[in-house]
C-alpha atoms as a PDB file:
ATOM      1  CA  MET A   1     150.331 -21.357  53.350  1.00  0.00           C
ATOM      2  CA  HIS A   2     148.353 -24.272  51.954  1.00  0.00           C
ATOM      3  CA  PHE A   3     148.361 -22.859  48.429  1.00  0.00           C
ATOM      4  CA  VAL A   4     152.113 -22.296  48.531  1.00  0.00           C
ATOM      5  CA  THR A   5     152.819 -25.811  49.790  1.00  0.00           C
ATOM      6  CA  SER A   6     150.414 -27.489  47.380  1.00  0.00           C
ATOM      7  CA  SER A   7     151.968 -25.673  44.414  1.00  0.00           C
ATOM      8  CA  MET A   8     155.136 -27.718  44.881  1.00  0.00           C
ATOM      9  CA  PHE A   9     153.310 -30.827  43.697  1.00  0.00           C
ATOM     10  CA  LEU A  10     151.802 -29.335  40.539  1.00  0.00           C
ATOM     11  CA  SER A  11     154.793 -30.210  38.344  1.00  0.00           C
ATOM     12  CA  SER A  12     154.655 -33.887  39.342  1.00  0.00           C
ATOM     13  CA  ILE A  13     150.984 -34.023  38.340  1.00  0.00           C
ATOM     14  CA  LEU A  14     151.301 -31.937  35.174  1.00  0.00           C
ATOM     15  CA  ILE A  15     153.805 -34.259  33.502  1.00  0.00           C
ATOM     16  CA  HIS A  16     151.136 -36.980  33.379  1.00  0.00           C
ATOM     17  CA  LEU A  17     148.504 -34.803  31.691  1.00  0.00           C
ATOM     18  CA  GLU A  18     147.881 -33.812  28.099  1.00  0.00           C
ATOM     19  CA  PRO A  19     148.558 -30.115  27.384  1.00  0.00           C
ATOM     20  CA  LYS A  20     144.865 -29.142  27.335  1.00  0.00           C
ATOM     21  CA  PHE A  21     144.378 -30.712  30.780  1.00  0.00           C
ATOM     22  CA  GLN A  22     147.572 -29.110  32.067  1.00  0.00           C
ATOM     23  CA  GLU A  23     146.152 -25.745  31.099  1.00  0.00           C
ATOM     24  CA  PHE A  24     142.807 -26.598  32.695  1.00  0.00           C
ATOM     25  CA  LEU A  25     144.475 -27.656  35.962  1.00  0.00           C
ATOM     26  CA  LEU A  26     146.666 -24.544  36.136  1.00  0.00           C
ATOM     27  CA  ARG A  27     143.794 -22.191  35.314  1.00  0.00           C
ATOM     28  CA  THR A  28     141.627 -23.868  37.947  1.00  0.00           C
ATOM     29  CA  TYR A  29     144.393 -23.779  40.545  1.00  0.00           C
ATOM     30  CA  VAL A  30     145.132 -20.088  39.980  1.00  0.00           C
ATOM     31  CA  SER A  31     141.395 -19.277  39.938  1.00  0.00           C
ATOM     32  CA  ILE A  32     140.917 -20.933  43.317  1.00  0.00           C
ATOM     33  CA  CYS A  33     143.948 -19.138  44.770  1.00  0.00           C
ATOM     34  CA  LEU A  34     142.670 -15.790  43.490  1.00  0.00           C
ATOM     35  CA  THR A  35     139.175 -16.489  44.802  1.00  0.00           C
ATOM     36  CA  TRP A  36     140.554 -17.113  48.305  1.00  0.00           C
ATOM     37  CA  TYR A  37     142.799 -14.051  48.032  1.00  0.00           C
ATOM     38  CA  ILE A  38     139.782 -11.886  47.195  1.00  0.00           C
ATOM     39  CA  ALA A  39     137.549 -13.586  49.774  1.00  0.00           C
ATOM     40  CA  ARG A  40     140.152 -12.972  52.504  1.00  0.00           C
ATOM     41  CA  GLY A  41     140.097  -9.219  51.930  1.00  0.00           C
ATOM     42  CA  LYS A  42     142.733  -8.703  49.200  1.00  0.00           C
ATOM     43  CA  PRO A  43     145.717  -7.748  51.345  1.00  0.00           C
ATOM     44  CA  GLN A  44     147.976  -5.285  49.561  1.00  0.00           C
ATOM     45  CA  LEU A  45     151.068  -6.651  47.824  1.00  0.00           C
ATOM     46  CA  ASP A  46     153.645  -3.897  48.211  1.00  0.00           C
ATOM     47  CA  ILE A  47     156.384  -5.581  46.185  1.00  0.00           C
ATOM     48  CA  GLY A  48     158.626  -2.507  46.170  1.00  0.00           C
ATOM     49  CA  ALA A  49     158.644  -2.267  49.984  1.00  0.00           C
ATOM     50  CA  PHE A  50     159.125  -6.037  50.324  1.00  0.00           C
ATOM     51  CA  PHE A  51     162.280  -6.008  48.186  1.00  0.00           C
ATOM     52  CA  ALA A  52     163.525  -2.687  49.615  1.00  0.00           C
ATOM     53  CA  HIS A  53     163.585  -4.189  53.129  1.00  0.00           C
ATOM     54  CA  ASP A  54     166.690  -6.264  53.827  1.00  0.00           C
ATOM     55  CA  SER A  55     164.833  -9.254  55.258  1.00  0.00           C
ATOM     56  CA  CYS A  56     167.786 -11.560  54.654  1.00  0.00           C
ATOM     57  CA  LYS A  57     170.151  -9.535  56.829  1.00  0.00           C
ATOM     58  CA  SER A  58     168.784 -10.786  60.144  1.00  0.00           C
ATOM     59  CA  LEU A  59     169.607 -14.367  59.206  1.00  0.00           C
ATOM     60  CA  ASN A  60     173.241 -13.545  58.556  1.00  0.00           C
ATOM     61  CA  ASP A  61     173.372 -11.682  61.852  1.00  0.00           C
ATOM     62  CA  GLY A  62     172.091 -14.775  63.632  1.00  0.00           C
ATOM     63  CA  PRO A  63     173.618 -16.278  66.741  1.00  0.00           C
ATOM     64  CA  VAL A  64     176.952 -18.023  66.775  1.00  0.00           C
ATOM     65  CA  VAL A  65     176.419 -21.781  66.733  1.00  0.00           C
ATOM     66  CA  VAL A  66     178.608 -24.307  68.526  1.00  0.00           C
ATOM     67  CA  ARG A  67     178.629 -27.503  66.469  1.00  0.00           C
ATOM     68  CA  PRO A  68     179.641 -30.900  67.854  1.00  0.00           C
ATOM     69  CA  CYS A  69     183.073 -32.093  66.771  1.00  0.00           C
ATOM     70  CA  LEU A  70     185.346 -35.103  67.028  1.00  0.00           C
ATOM     71  CA  PRO A  71     187.116 -35.926  70.312  1.00  0.00           C
ATOM     72  CA  GLY A  72     190.414 -34.116  70.716  1.00  0.00           C
ATOM     73  CA  ILE A  73     189.470 -31.357  68.270  1.00  0.00           C
ATOM     74  CA  PRO A  74     188.697 -27.987  69.868  1.00  0.00           C
ATOM     75  CA  VAL A  75     185.136 -26.705  69.426  1.00  0.00           C
ATOM     76  CA  GLN A  76     184.949 -23.715  67.110  1.00  0.00           C
ATOM     77  CA  PRO A  77     181.907 -21.431  67.475  1.00  0.00           C
ATOM     78  CA  THR A  78     180.848 -20.433  63.969  1.00  0.00           C
ATOM     79  CA  LYS A  79     178.128 -18.694  62.076  1.00  0.00           C
ATOM     80  CA  PRO A  80     176.372 -20.847  59.499  1.00  0.00           C
ATOM     81  CA  SER A  81     177.511 -19.966  55.984  1.00  0.00           C
ATOM     82  CA  ASN A  82     174.190 -20.991  54.467  1.00  0.00           C
ATOM     83  CA  PRO A  83     171.288 -18.781  55.647  1.00  0.00           C
ATOM     84  CA  TRP A  84     168.911 -21.722  55.254  1.00  0.00           C
ATOM     85  CA  THR A  85     170.707 -23.510  58.102  1.00  0.00           C
ATOM     86  CA  LEU A  86     169.212 -21.271  60.789  1.00  0.00           C
ATOM     87  CA  ILE A  87     165.778 -21.413  59.196  1.00  0.00           C
ATOM     88  CA  LEU A  88     165.765 -25.192  59.034  1.00  0.00           C
ATOM     89  CA  GLU A  89     167.171 -25.590  62.554  1.00  0.00           C
ATOM     90  CA  GLU A  90     164.296 -23.495  63.918  1.00  0.00           C
ATOM     91  CA  THR A  91     161.802 -25.309  61.697  1.00  0.00           C
ATOM     92  CA  ILE A  92     162.771 -28.825  62.748  1.00  0.00           C
ATOM     93  CA  VAL A  93     161.957 -28.217  66.404  1.00  0.00           C
ATOM     94  CA  HIS A  94     158.928 -25.960  65.927  1.00  0.00           C
ATOM     95  CA  PRO A  95     155.744 -27.363  67.507  1.00  0.00           C
ATOM     96  CA  ASP A  96     153.544 -26.452  64.497  1.00  0.00           C
ATOM     97  CA  ASP A  97     154.192 -28.854  61.613  1.00  0.00           C
ATOM     98  CA  HIS A  98     152.840 -26.327  59.103  1.00  0.00           C
ATOM     99  CA  ILE A  99     156.075 -24.381  59.536  1.00  0.00           C
ATOM    100  CA  SER A 100     158.194 -27.261  58.228  1.00  0.00           C
ATOM    101  CA  LYS A 101     155.892 -27.606  55.226  1.00  0.00           C
ATOM    102  CA  ILE A 102     156.073 -23.960  54.207  1.00  0.00           C
ATOM    103  CA  GLN A 103     159.835 -23.758  54.762  1.00  0.00           C
ATOM    104  CA  ARG A 104     160.429 -26.976  52.790  1.00  0.00           C
ATOM    105  CA  THR A 105     158.420 -25.551  49.902  1.00  0.00           C
ATOM    106  CA  LEU A 106     160.217 -22.201  49.992  1.00  0.00           C
ATOM    107  CA  LEU A 107     163.594 -23.986  50.045  1.00  0.00           C
ATOM    108  CA  HIS A 108     162.542 -26.114  47.057  1.00  0.00           C
ATOM    109  CA  PHE A 109     161.491 -23.056  45.053  1.00  0.00           C
ATOM    110  CA  ALA A 110     164.682 -21.225  46.070  1.00  0.00           C
ATOM    111  CA  GLN A 111     166.677 -24.120  44.626  1.00  0.00           C
ATOM    112  CA  VAL A 112     164.654 -24.105  41.407  1.00  0.00           C
ATOM    113  CA  TYR A 113     164.072 -20.361  40.865  1.00  0.00           C
ATOM    114  CA  GLY A 114     166.585 -18.685  43.201  1.00  0.00           C
ATOM    115  CA  GLY A 115     168.827 -17.628  40.313  1.00  0.00           C
ATOM    116  CA  ARG A 116     166.256 -15.295  38.737  1.00  0.00           C
ATOM    117  CA  GLU A 117     167.506 -11.754  38.279  1.00  0.00           C
ATOM    118  CA  ALA A 118     165.424  -8.668  39.036  1.00  0.00           C
ATOM    119  CA  GLY A 119     163.474  -7.692  35.933  1.00  0.00           C
ATOM    120  CA  TYR A 120     162.570 -11.250  34.921  1.00  0.00           C
ATOM    121  CA  PHE A 121     158.858 -10.498  35.484  1.00  0.00           C
ATOM    122  CA  GLU A 122     159.019  -6.950  34.127  1.00  0.00           C
ATOM    123  CA  GLY A 123     156.511  -7.553  31.316  1.00  0.00           C
ATOM    124  CA  THR A 124     153.652  -8.529  33.631  1.00  0.00           C
ATOM    125  CA  GLU A 125     150.862  -6.261  34.813  1.00  0.00           C
ATOM    126  CA  LEU A 126     151.721  -6.776  38.486  1.00  0.00           C
ATOM    127  CA  LYS A 127     152.806  -3.455  39.986  1.00  0.00           C
ATOM    128  CA  GLY A 128     156.431  -3.694  41.139  1.00  0.00           C
ATOM    129  CA  ALA A 129     157.052  -7.044  39.401  1.00  0.00           C
ATOM    130  CA  GLU A 130     160.305  -5.739  37.925  1.00  0.00           C
ATOM    131  CA  LYS A 131     161.810  -5.880  41.432  1.00  0.00           C
ATOM    132  CA  ILE A 132     161.055  -9.580  41.975  1.00  0.00           C
ATOM    133  CA  ASP A 133     164.176 -11.724  41.942  1.00  0.00           C
ATOM    134  CA  GLY A 134     165.309 -15.103  43.213  1.00  0.00           C
ATOM    135  CA  THR A 135     165.655 -13.842  46.792  1.00  0.00           C
ATOM    136  CA  LEU A 136     161.852 -13.917  47.073  1.00  0.00           C
ATOM    137  CA  PHE A 137     161.917 -17.376  48.618  1.00  0.00           C
ATOM    138  CA  MET A 138     164.746 -16.700  51.075  1.00  0.00           C
ATOM    139  CA  ARG A 139     163.108 -13.449  52.141  1.00  0.00           C
ATOM    140  CA  SER A 140     159.748 -15.178  52.634  1.00  0.00           C
ATOM    141  CA  ALA A 141     161.317 -18.040  54.570  1.00  0.00           C
ATOM    142  CA  ASN A 142     163.245 -15.630  56.789  1.00  0.00           C
ATOM    143  CA  LEU A 143     160.172 -13.548  57.559  1.00  0.00           C
ATOM    144  CA  THR A 144     158.190 -16.712  58.269  1.00  0.00           C
ATOM    145  CA  ALA A 145     160.934 -17.985  60.588  1.00  0.00           C
ATOM    146  CA  MET A 146     161.089 -14.673  62.447  1.00  0.00           C
ATOM    147  CA  LYS A 147     157.298 -14.449  62.727  1.00  0.00           C
ATOM    148  CA  MET A 148     156.856 -18.049  63.826  1.00  0.00           C
ATOM    149  CA  SER A 149     159.853 -18.218  66.133  1.00  0.00           C
ATOM    150  CA  SER A 150     158.849 -19.855  69.386  1.00  0.00           C
ATOM    151  CA  ALA A 151     161.122 -17.328  71.096  1.00  0.00           C
ATOM    152  CA  THR A 152     158.883 -14.382  70.165  1.00  0.00           C
ATOM    153  CA  GLY A 153     156.020 -15.446  72.441  1.00  0.00           C
ATOM    154  CA  LYS A 154     153.540 -14.283  69.782  1.00  0.00           C
ATOM    155  CA  GLU A 155     151.578 -17.504  69.704  1.00  0.00           C
ATOM    156  CA  ARG A 156     147.869 -17.302  70.546  1.00  0.00           C
ATOM    157  CA  LEU A 157     146.021 -19.816  72.666  1.00  0.00           C
ATOM    158  CA  LEU A 158     142.863 -21.163  71.056  1.00  0.00           C
ATOM    159  CA  GLY A 159     141.236 -23.469  73.540  1.00  0.00           C
ATOM    160  CA  ASP A 160     143.686 -26.274  74.225  1.00  0.00           C
ATOM    161  CA  ARG A 161     145.961 -25.563  71.251  1.00  0.00           C
ATOM    162  CA  VAL A 162     148.350 -22.841  70.138  1.00  0.00           C
ATOM    163  CA  ASP A 163     147.690 -20.838  66.972  1.00  0.00           C
ATOM    164  CA  TRP A 164     150.961 -19.595  65.489  1.00  0.00           C
ATOM    165  CA  TRP A 165     149.382 -17.889  62.463  1.00  0.00           C
ATOM    166  CA  ASP A 166     147.909 -14.420  62.583  1.00  0.00           C
ATOM    167  CA  ARG A 167     145.573 -12.916  60.032  1.00  0.00           C
ATOM    168  CA  LYS A 168     146.949  -9.376  60.001  1.00  0.00           C
ATOM    169  CA  GLY A 169     146.544  -7.856  56.567  1.00  0.00           C
ATOM    170  CA  PHE A 170     143.221  -9.553  55.978  1.00  0.00           C
ATOM    171  CA  PHE A 171     139.993  -7.561  56.253  1.00  0.00           C
ATOM    172  CA  THR A 172     141.767  -4.298  57.003  1.00  0.00           C
END
């Protein structure tokens, strides 16, 4: 989560650096991310299964929302037309402030890279990269929202605080 959220600020730093230092910063950043990925047990990245699963569907099937309206105008229960609405509504009231940070970052990247078509990363060596498209960020945000939903009761008590994050997939 911290690497995803910190990546949002790279572009604002890079514009102030000379190209050789931009390269150095990016190489260092990616090296540190990969080191932590390896140190945490190298969880499998099954890109094909991730994009085969319709993880955006549950957002569109979300509850009907009754929005406030002006006096004298009948209230119309509606479903949000933007799937980010439900994610951000859940995020705003969530007791763990890390959730708002990750969802803000995923929304930012969805705005910047959400138009990418499948096949954009086809030439890379990452297995299944040809399936990656701009829905990556919406899918990730939806899965995060579902996993971190305070309604699931999946939080863990650690002493006097609640731990919303699990480590499944690491050290398996």
